[in-house]
Amino acid sequence: MSAKIMWRTVLTGALLLAAGAAKAQESWALHGQATFLDQYHPAFHAAYNGPDSMDPGSRGNETFDATLFAGVSPWAGGEA
């Protein structure tokens, strides 16, 4: 086993142990995430246009989503 692989294995093990110890001490958690998506296409020539076709005009749309997660562990093994 090379020294590089050995150090990666030791580091990975230490991180997993630290994560397990931190998890054992947590009684609550609060997490959030947000996503913003912007889509655009320039105008293009279309031989035909219909309900199942893409609009040949310049078009842009945006989507935004935000989510909040909360949890509590009132006793060992219990979650809400």
PDB file of N, CA and C in Angstrom:
ATOM      1  N   MET A   1       0.856  -1.177   0.000  1.00  0.00           N
ATOM      2  CA  MET A   1       0.000   0.000   0.000  1.00  0.00           C
ATOM      3  C   MET A   1       0.902   1.239   0.000  1.00  0.00           C
ATOM      4  N   SER A   2       0.651   2.145  -0.917  1.00  0.00           N
ATOM      5  CA  SER A   2       1.482   3.332  -0.990  1.00  0.00           C
ATOM      6  C   SER A   2       1.150   4.289   0.148  1.00  0.00           C
ATOM      7  N   ALA A   3       2.083   5.181   0.449  1.00  0.00           N
ATOM      8  CA  ALA A   3       1.885   6.138   1.536  1.00  0.00           C
ATOM      9  C   ALA A   3       0.711   7.067   1.243  1.00  0.00           C
ATOM     10  N   LYS A   4       0.529   7.427  -0.037  1.00  0.00           N
ATOM     11  CA  LYS A   4      -0.563   8.317  -0.413  1.00  0.00           C
ATOM     12  C   LYS A   4      -1.921   7.670  -0.130  1.00  0.00           C
ATOM     13  N   ILE A   5      -2.084   6.410  -0.510  1.00  0.00           N
ATOM     14  CA  ILE A   5      -3.337   5.699  -0.270  1.00  0.00           C
ATOM     15  C   ILE A   5      -3.550   5.506   1.229  1.00  0.00           C
ATOM     16  N   MET A   6      -2.470   5.197   1.973  1.00  0.00           N
ATOM     17  CA  MET A   6      -2.594   5.004   3.412  1.00  0.00           C
ATOM     18  C   MET A   6      -3.091   6.284   4.086  1.00  0.00           C
ATOM     19  N   TRP A   7      -2.536   7.445   3.728  1.00  0.00           N
ATOM     20  CA  TRP A   7      -2.963   8.703   4.339  1.00  0.00           C
ATOM     21  C   TRP A   7      -4.403   9.035   3.971  1.00  0.00           C
ATOM     22  N   ARG A   8      -4.814   8.736   2.745  1.00  0.00           N
ATOM     23  CA  ARG A   8      -6.214   8.955   2.360  1.00  0.00           C
ATOM     24  C   ARG A   8      -7.150   8.084   3.194  1.00  0.00           C
ATOM     25  N   THR A   9      -6.761   6.837   3.426  1.00  0.00           N
ATOM     26  CA  THR A   9      -7.571   5.925   4.229  1.00  0.00           C
ATOM     27  C   THR A   9      -7.662   6.409   5.667  1.00  0.00           C
ATOM     28  N   VAL A  10      -6.548   6.840   6.238  1.00  0.00           N
ATOM     29  CA  VAL A  10      -6.528   7.347   7.612  1.00  0.00           C
ATOM     30  C   VAL A  10      -7.385   8.607   7.723  1.00  0.00           C
ATOM     31  N   LEU A  11      -7.246   9.517   6.768  1.00  0.00           N
ATOM     32  CA  LEU A  11      -8.016  10.752   6.785  1.00  0.00           C
ATOM     33  C   LEU A  11      -9.510  10.479   6.643  1.00  0.00           C
ATOM     34  N   THR A  12      -9.879   9.573   5.744  1.00  0.00           N
ATOM     35  CA  THR A  12     -11.286   9.217   5.567  1.00  0.00           C
ATOM     36  C   THR A  12     -11.848   8.611   6.848  1.00  0.00           C
ATOM     37  N   GLY A  13     -11.120   7.726   7.469  1.00  0.00           N
ATOM     38  CA  GLY A  13     -11.568   7.124   8.730  1.00  0.00           C
ATOM     39  C   GLY A  13     -11.737   8.159   9.826  1.00  0.00           C
ATOM     40  N   ALA A  14     -10.801   9.103   9.929  1.00  0.00           N
ATOM     41  CA  ALA A  14     -10.891  10.154  10.947  1.00  0.00           C
ATOM     42  C   ALA A  14     -12.108  11.039  10.707  1.00  0.00           C
ATOM     43  N   LEU A  15     -12.380  11.365   9.441  1.00  0.00           N
ATOM     44  CA  LEU A  15     -13.552  12.183   9.131  1.00  0.00           C
ATOM     45  C   LEU A  15     -14.846  11.454   9.470  1.00  0.00           C
ATOM     46  N   LEU A  16     -14.908  10.153   9.173  1.00  0.00           N
ATOM     47  CA  LEU A  16     -16.104   9.380   9.501  1.00  0.00           C
ATOM     48  C   LEU A  16     -16.312   9.284  11.010  1.00  0.00           C
ATOM     49  N   LEU A  17     -15.235   9.114  11.769  1.00  0.00           N
ATOM     50  CA  LEU A  17     -15.357   9.080  13.223  1.00  0.00           C
ATOM     51  C   LEU A  17     -15.809  10.426  13.772  1.00  0.00           C
ATOM     52  N   ALA A  18     -15.270  11.508  13.233  1.00  0.00           N
ATOM     53  CA  ALA A  18     -15.665  12.852  13.677  1.00  0.00           C
ATOM     54  C   ALA A  18     -17.126  13.117  13.344  1.00  0.00           C
ATOM     55  N   ALA A  19     -17.565  12.693  12.167  1.00  0.00           N
ATOM     56  CA  ALA A  19     -18.969  12.886  11.781  1.00  0.00           C
ATOM     57  C   ALA A  19     -19.884  12.076  12.696  1.00  0.00           C
ATOM     58  N   GLY A  20     -19.486  10.872  13.046  1.00  0.00           N
ATOM     59  CA  GLY A  20     -20.285  10.055  13.958  1.00  0.00           C
ATOM     60  C   GLY A  20     -20.358  10.664  15.345  1.00  0.00           C
ATOM     61  N   ALA A  21     -19.259  11.211  15.843  1.00  0.00           N
ATOM     62  CA  ALA A  21     -19.261  11.852  17.159  1.00  0.00           C
ATOM     63  C   ALA A  21     -20.108  13.110  17.149  1.00  0.00           C
ATOM     64  N   ALA A  22     -20.021  13.893  16.080  1.00  0.00           N
ATOM     65  CA  ALA A  22     -20.835  15.106  15.980  1.00  0.00           C
ATOM     66  C   ALA A  22     -22.311  14.741  15.890  1.00  0.00           C
ATOM     67  N   LYS A  23     -22.657  13.694  15.174  1.00  0.00           N
ATOM     68  CA  LYS A  23     -24.044  13.262  15.019  1.00  0.00           C
ATOM     69  C   LYS A  23     -24.603  12.807  16.365  1.00  0.00           C
ATOM     70  N   ALA A  24     -23.799  12.158  17.173  1.00  0.00           N
ATOM     71  CA  ALA A  24     -24.262  11.659  18.459  1.00  0.00           C
ATOM     72  C   ALA A  24     -24.604  12.814  19.406  1.00  0.00           C
ATOM     73  N   GLN A  25     -23.997  13.988  19.247  1.00  0.00           N
ATOM     74  CA  GLN A  25     -24.222  15.108  20.145  1.00  0.00           C
ATOM     75  C   GLN A  25     -25.339  16.033  19.670  1.00  0.00           C
ATOM     76  N   GLU A  26     -25.806  15.908  18.443  1.00  0.00           N
ATOM     77  CA  GLU A  26     -26.844  16.795  17.923  1.00  0.00           C
ATOM     78  C   GLU A  26     -28.209  16.399  18.454  1.00  0.00           C
ATOM     79  N   SER A  27     -28.990  17.389  18.918  1.00  0.00           N
ATOM     80  CA  SER A  27     -30.357  17.119  19.318  1.00  0.00           C
ATOM     81  C   SER A  27     -31.349  17.845  18.409  1.00  0.00           C
ATOM     82  N   TRP A  28     -30.842  18.725  17.542  1.00  0.00           N
ATOM     83  CA  TRP A  28     -31.700  19.428  16.589  1.00  0.00           C
ATOM     84  C   TRP A  28     -30.897  19.738  15.330  1.00  0.00           C
ATOM     85  N   ALA A  29     -31.604  20.023  14.255  1.00  0.00           N
ATOM     86  CA  ALA A  29     -30.945  20.343  12.990  1.00  0.00           C
ATOM     87  C   ALA A  29     -31.815  21.336  12.220  1.00  0.00           C
ATOM     88  N   LEU A  30     -31.174  22.247  11.526  1.00  0.00           N
ATOM     89  CA  LEU A  30     -31.847  23.229  10.687  1.00  0.00           C
ATOM     90  C   LEU A  30     -31.025  23.362   9.405  1.00  0.00           C
ATOM     91  N   HIS A  31     -31.638  23.048   8.271  1.00  0.00           N
ATOM     92  CA  HIS A  31     -30.951  23.081   6.985  1.00  0.00           C
ATOM     93  C   HIS A  31     -31.814  23.828   5.978  1.00  0.00           C
ATOM     94  N   GLY A  32     -31.190  24.456   5.029  1.00  0.00           N
ATOM     95  CA  GLY A  32     -31.929  25.131   3.977  1.00  0.00           C
ATOM     96  C   GLY A  32     -31.172  25.062   2.669  1.00  0.00           C
ATOM     97  N   GLN A  33     -31.916  25.255   1.601  1.00  0.00           N
ATOM     98  CA  GLN A  33     -31.288  25.301   0.292  1.00  0.00           C
ATOM     99  C   GLN A  33     -32.122  26.179  -0.618  1.00  0.00           C
ATOM    100  N   ALA A  34     -31.473  26.762  -1.597  1.00  0.00           N
ATOM    101  CA  ALA A  34     -32.168  27.596  -2.582  1.00  0.00           C
ATOM    102  C   ALA A  34     -31.592  27.281  -3.953  1.00  0.00           C
ATOM    103  N   THR A  35     -32.465  27.293  -4.951  1.00  0.00           N
ATOM    104  CA  THR A  35     -32.062  27.005  -6.321  1.00  0.00           C
ATOM    105  C   THR A  35     -32.664  28.051  -7.243  1.00  0.00           C
ATOM    106  N   PHE A  36     -31.841  28.615  -8.098  1.00  0.00           N
ATOM    107  CA  PHE A  36     -32.308  29.554  -9.113  1.00  0.00           C
ATOM    108  C   PHE A  36     -31.875  29.019 -10.469  1.00  0.00           C
ATOM    109  N   LEU A  37     -32.814  28.935 -11.403  1.00  0.00           N
ATOM    110  CA  LEU A  37     -32.523  28.408 -12.732  1.00  0.00           C
ATOM    111  C   LEU A  37     -33.005  29.406 -13.772  1.00  0.00           C
ATOM    112  N   ASP A  38     -32.145  29.756 -14.697  1.00  0.00           N
ATOM    113  CA  ASP A  38     -32.474  30.676 -15.776  1.00  0.00           C
ATOM    114  C   ASP A  38     -32.289  29.945 -17.093  1.00  0.00           C
ATOM    115  N   GLN A  39     -33.343  29.907 -17.920  1.00  0.00           N
ATOM    116  CA  GLN A  39     -33.273  29.250 -19.222  1.00  0.00           C
ATOM    117  C   GLN A  39     -33.596  30.265 -20.304  1.00  0.00           C
ATOM    118  N   TYR A  40     -32.888  30.181 -21.424  1.00  0.00           N
ATOM    119  CA  TYR A  40     -33.086  31.147 -22.502  1.00  0.00           C
ATOM    120  C   TYR A  40     -32.750  30.494 -23.836  1.00  0.00           C
ATOM    121  N   HIS A  41     -33.480  30.883 -24.878  1.00  0.00           N
ATOM    122  CA  HIS A  41     -33.070  30.529 -26.235  1.00  0.00           C
ATOM    123  C   HIS A  41     -33.329  31.727 -27.136  1.00  0.00           C
ATOM    124  N   PRO A  42     -32.393  32.013 -28.034  1.00  0.00           N
ATOM    125  CA  PRO A  42     -32.571  33.136 -28.956  1.00  0.00           C
ATOM    126  C   PRO A  42     -33.593  32.778 -30.042  1.00  0.00           C
ATOM    127  N   ALA A  43     -34.031  33.778 -30.771  1.00  0.00           N
ATOM    128  CA  ALA A  43     -34.965  33.546 -31.868  1.00  0.00           C
ATOM    129  C   ALA A  43     -34.285  32.719 -32.967  1.00  0.00           C
ATOM    130  N   PHE A  44     -35.084  31.900 -33.655  1.00  0.00           N
ATOM    131  CA  PHE A  44     -34.556  31.078 -34.736  1.00  0.00           C
ATOM    132  C   PHE A  44     -35.629  30.921 -35.802  1.00  0.00           C
ATOM    133  N   HIS A  45     -35.221  30.535 -36.992  1.00  0.00           N
ATOM    134  CA  HIS A  45     -36.152  30.331 -38.101  1.00  0.00           C
ATOM    135  C   HIS A  45     -36.829  28.970 -37.937  1.00  0.00           C
ATOM    136  N   ALA A  46     -38.158  28.938 -38.104  1.00  0.00           N
ATOM    137  CA  ALA A  46     -38.918  27.690 -38.034  1.00  0.00           C
ATOM    138  C   ALA A  46     -39.803  27.588 -39.265  1.00  0.00           C
ATOM    139  N   ALA A  47     -39.780  26.452 -39.936  1.00  0.00           N
ATOM    140  CA  ALA A  47     -40.590  26.242 -41.132  1.00  0.00           C
ATOM    141  C   ALA A  47     -42.073  26.152 -40.774  1.00  0.00           C
ATOM    142  N   TYR A  48     -42.388  25.697 -39.571  1.00  0.00           N
ATOM    143  CA  TYR A  48     -43.782  25.615 -39.129  1.00  0.00           C
ATOM    144  C   TYR A  48     -43.816  25.880 -37.631  1.00  0.00           C
ATOM    145  N   ASN A  49     -45.005  26.175 -37.119  1.00  0.00           N
ATOM    146  CA  ASN A  49     -45.192  26.467 -35.705  1.00  0.00           C
ATOM    147  C   ASN A  49     -46.525  25.868 -35.273  1.00  0.00           C
ATOM    148  N   GLY A  50     -46.556  25.183 -34.152  1.00  0.00           N
ATOM    149  CA  GLY A  50     -47.780  24.565 -33.682  1.00  0.00           C
ATOM    150  C   GLY A  50     -47.743  24.349 -32.183  1.00  0.00           C
ATOM    151  N   PRO A  51     -48.784  23.733 -31.620  1.00  0.00           N
ATOM    152  CA  PRO A  51     -48.853  23.549 -30.170  1.00  0.00           C
ATOM    153  C   PRO A  51     -47.777  22.616 -29.608  1.00  0.00           C
ATOM    154  N   ASP A  52     -47.234  21.718 -30.429  1.00  0.00           N
ATOM    155  CA  ASP A  52     -46.185  20.798 -29.963  1.00  0.00           C
ATOM    156  C   ASP A  52     -44.800  21.235 -30.405  1.00  0.00           C
ATOM    157  N   SER A  53     -44.684  22.470 -30.879  1.00  0.00           N
ATOM    158  CA  SER A  53     -43.409  22.987 -31.360  1.00  0.00           C
ATOM    159  C   SER A  53     -42.864  24.030 -30.391  1.00  0.00           C
ATOM    160  N   MET A  54     -41.554  24.193 -30.417  1.00  0.00           N
ATOM    161  CA  MET A  54     -40.910  25.235 -29.635  1.00  0.00           C
ATOM    162  C   MET A  54     -41.216  26.591 -30.252  1.00  0.00           C
ATOM    163  N   ASP A  55     -41.427  27.602 -29.428  1.00  0.00           N
ATOM    164  CA  ASP A  55     -41.696  28.951 -29.913  1.00  0.00           C
ATOM    165  C   ASP A  55     -40.429  29.480 -30.590  1.00  0.00           C
ATOM    166  N   PRO A  56     -40.503  29.913 -31.863  1.00  0.00           N
ATOM    167  CA  PRO A  56     -39.295  30.368 -32.551  1.00  0.00           C
ATOM    168  C   PRO A  56     -38.822  31.752 -32.102  1.00  0.00           C
ATOM    169  N   GLY A  57     -39.597  32.438 -31.301  1.00  0.00           N
ATOM    170  CA  GLY A  57     -39.185  33.768 -30.827  1.00  0.00           C
ATOM    171  C   GLY A  57     -38.191  33.661 -29.679  1.00  0.00           C
ATOM    172  N   SER A  58     -37.522  34.761 -29.404  1.00  0.00           N
ATOM    173  CA  SER A  58     -36.598  34.822 -28.278  1.00  0.00           C
ATOM    174  C   SER A  58     -37.389  34.629 -26.976  1.00  0.00           C
ATOM    175  N   ARG A  59     -36.941  33.715 -26.131  1.00  0.00           N
ATOM    176  CA  ARG A  59     -37.722  33.387 -24.949  1.00  0.00           C
ATOM    177  C   ARG A  59     -36.796  33.097 -23.767  1.00  0.00           C
ATOM    178  N   GLY A  60     -37.167  33.598 -22.607  1.00  0.00           N
ATOM    179  CA  GLY A  60     -36.417  33.330 -21.383  1.00  0.00           C
ATOM    180  C   GLY A  60     -37.361  33.133 -20.216  1.00  0.00           C
ATOM    181  N   ASN A  61     -37.053  32.222 -19.345  1.00  0.00           N
ATOM    182  CA  ASN A  61     -37.850  31.951 -18.152  1.00  0.00           C
ATOM    183  C   ASN A  61     -36.922  31.692 -16.971  1.00  0.00           C
ATOM    184  N   GLU A  62     -37.406  32.021 -15.787  1.00  0.00           N
ATOM    185  CA  GLU A  62     -36.643  31.791 -14.565  1.00  0.00           C
ATOM    186  C   GLU A  62     -37.484  30.967 -13.592  1.00  0.00           C
ATOM    187  N   THR A  63     -36.803  30.196 -12.764  1.00  0.00           N
ATOM    188  CA  THR A  63     -37.443  29.426 -11.707  1.00  0.00           C
ATOM    189  C   THR A  63     -36.634  29.610 -10.442  1.00  0.00           C
ATOM    190  N   PHE A  64     -37.312  29.850  -9.320  1.00  0.00           N
ATOM    191  CA  PHE A  64     -36.652  29.974  -8.021  1.00  0.00           C
ATOM    192  C   PHE A  64     -37.360  29.066  -7.034  1.00  0.00           C
ATOM    193  N   ASP A  65     -36.584  28.348  -6.229  1.00  0.00           N
ATOM    194  CA  ASP A  65     -37.138  27.438  -5.237  1.00  0.00           C
ATOM    195  C   ASP A  65     -36.312  27.547  -3.967  1.00  0.00           C
ATOM    196  N   ALA A  66     -36.973  27.643  -2.818  1.00  0.00           N
ATOM    197  CA  ALA A  66     -36.282  27.658  -1.527  1.00  0.00           C
ATOM    198  C   ALA A  66     -36.957  26.656  -0.605  1.00  0.00           C
ATOM    199  N   THR A  67     -36.145  25.897   0.132  1.00  0.00           N
ATOM    200  CA  THR A  67     -36.660  24.872   1.022  1.00  0.00           C
ATOM    201  C   THR A  67     -35.956  24.975   2.364  1.00  0.00           C
ATOM    202  N   LEU A  68     -36.706  24.821   3.440  1.00  0.00           N
ATOM    203  CA  LEU A  68     -36.158  24.840   4.798  1.00  0.00           C
ATOM    204  C   LEU A  68     -36.508  23.515   5.467  1.00  0.00           C
ATOM    205  N   PHE A  69     -35.511  22.848   6.037  1.00  0.00           N
ATOM    206  CA  PHE A  69     -35.700  21.583   6.725  1.00  0.00           C
ATOM    207  C   PHE A  69     -35.376  21.794   8.203  1.00  0.00           C
ATOM    208  N   ALA A  70     -36.222  21.310   9.086  1.00  0.00           N
ATOM    209  CA  ALA A  70     -35.966  21.388  10.523  1.00  0.00           C
ATOM    210  C   ALA A  70     -36.261  20.031  11.144  1.00  0.00           C
ATOM    211  N   GLY A  71     -35.486  19.662  12.150  1.00  0.00           N
ATOM    212  CA  GLY A  71     -35.705  18.385  12.820  1.00  0.00           C
ATOM    213  C   GLY A  71     -35.221  18.442  14.250  1.00  0.00           C
ATOM    214  N   VAL A  72     -35.762  17.573  15.070  1.00  0.00           N
ATOM    215  CA  VAL A  72     -35.365  17.493  16.475  1.00  0.00           C
ATOM    216  C   VAL A  72     -35.338  16.024  16.896  1.00  0.00           C
ATOM    217  N   SER A  73     -34.417  15.706  17.790  1.00  0.00           N
ATOM    218  CA  SER A  73     -34.315  14.358  18.351  1.00  0.00           C
ATOM    219  C   SER A  73     -34.546  14.471  19.855  1.00  0.00           C
ATOM    220  N   PRO A  74     -35.802  14.351  20.318  1.00  0.00           N
ATOM    221  CA  PRO A  74     -36.102  14.554  21.752  1.00  0.00           C
ATOM    222  C   PRO A  74     -35.531  13.489  22.678  1.00  0.00           C
ATOM    223  N   TRP A  75     -35.277  12.285  22.160  1.00  0.00           N
ATOM    224  CA  TRP A  75     -34.656  11.229  22.940  1.00  0.00           C
ATOM    225  C   TRP A  75     -33.835  10.367  21.987  1.00  0.00           C
ATOM    226  N   ALA A  76     -32.997   9.501  22.517  1.00  0.00           N
ATOM    227  CA  ALA A  76     -32.153   8.639  21.692  1.00  0.00           C
ATOM    228  C   ALA A  76     -33.025   7.746  20.837  1.00  0.00           C
ATOM    229  N   GLY A  77     -32.873   7.851  19.529  1.00  0.00           N
ATOM    230  CA  GLY A  77     -33.643   7.054  18.589  1.00  0.00           C
ATOM    231  C   GLY A  77     -34.939   7.706  18.145  1.00  0.00           C
ATOM    232  N   GLY A  78     -35.341   8.818  18.782  1.00  0.00           N
ATOM    233  CA  GLY A  78     -36.564   9.513  18.398  1.00  0.00           C
ATOM    234  C   GLY A  78     -36.270  10.676  17.468  1.00  0.00           C
ATOM    235  N   GLU A  79     -37.117  10.885  16.492  1.00  0.00           N
ATOM    236  CA  GLU A  79     -36.941  11.986  15.535  1.00  0.00           C
ATOM    237  C   GLU A  79     -38.290  12.602  15.220  1.00  0.00           C
ATOM    238  N   ALA A  80     -38.284  13.915  15.006  1.00  0.00           N
ATOM    239  CA  ALA A  80     -39.483  14.622  14.569  1.00  0.00           C
ATOM    240  C   ALA A  80     -39.069  15.707  13.596  1.00  0.00           C
TER     241      ALA A  80
END
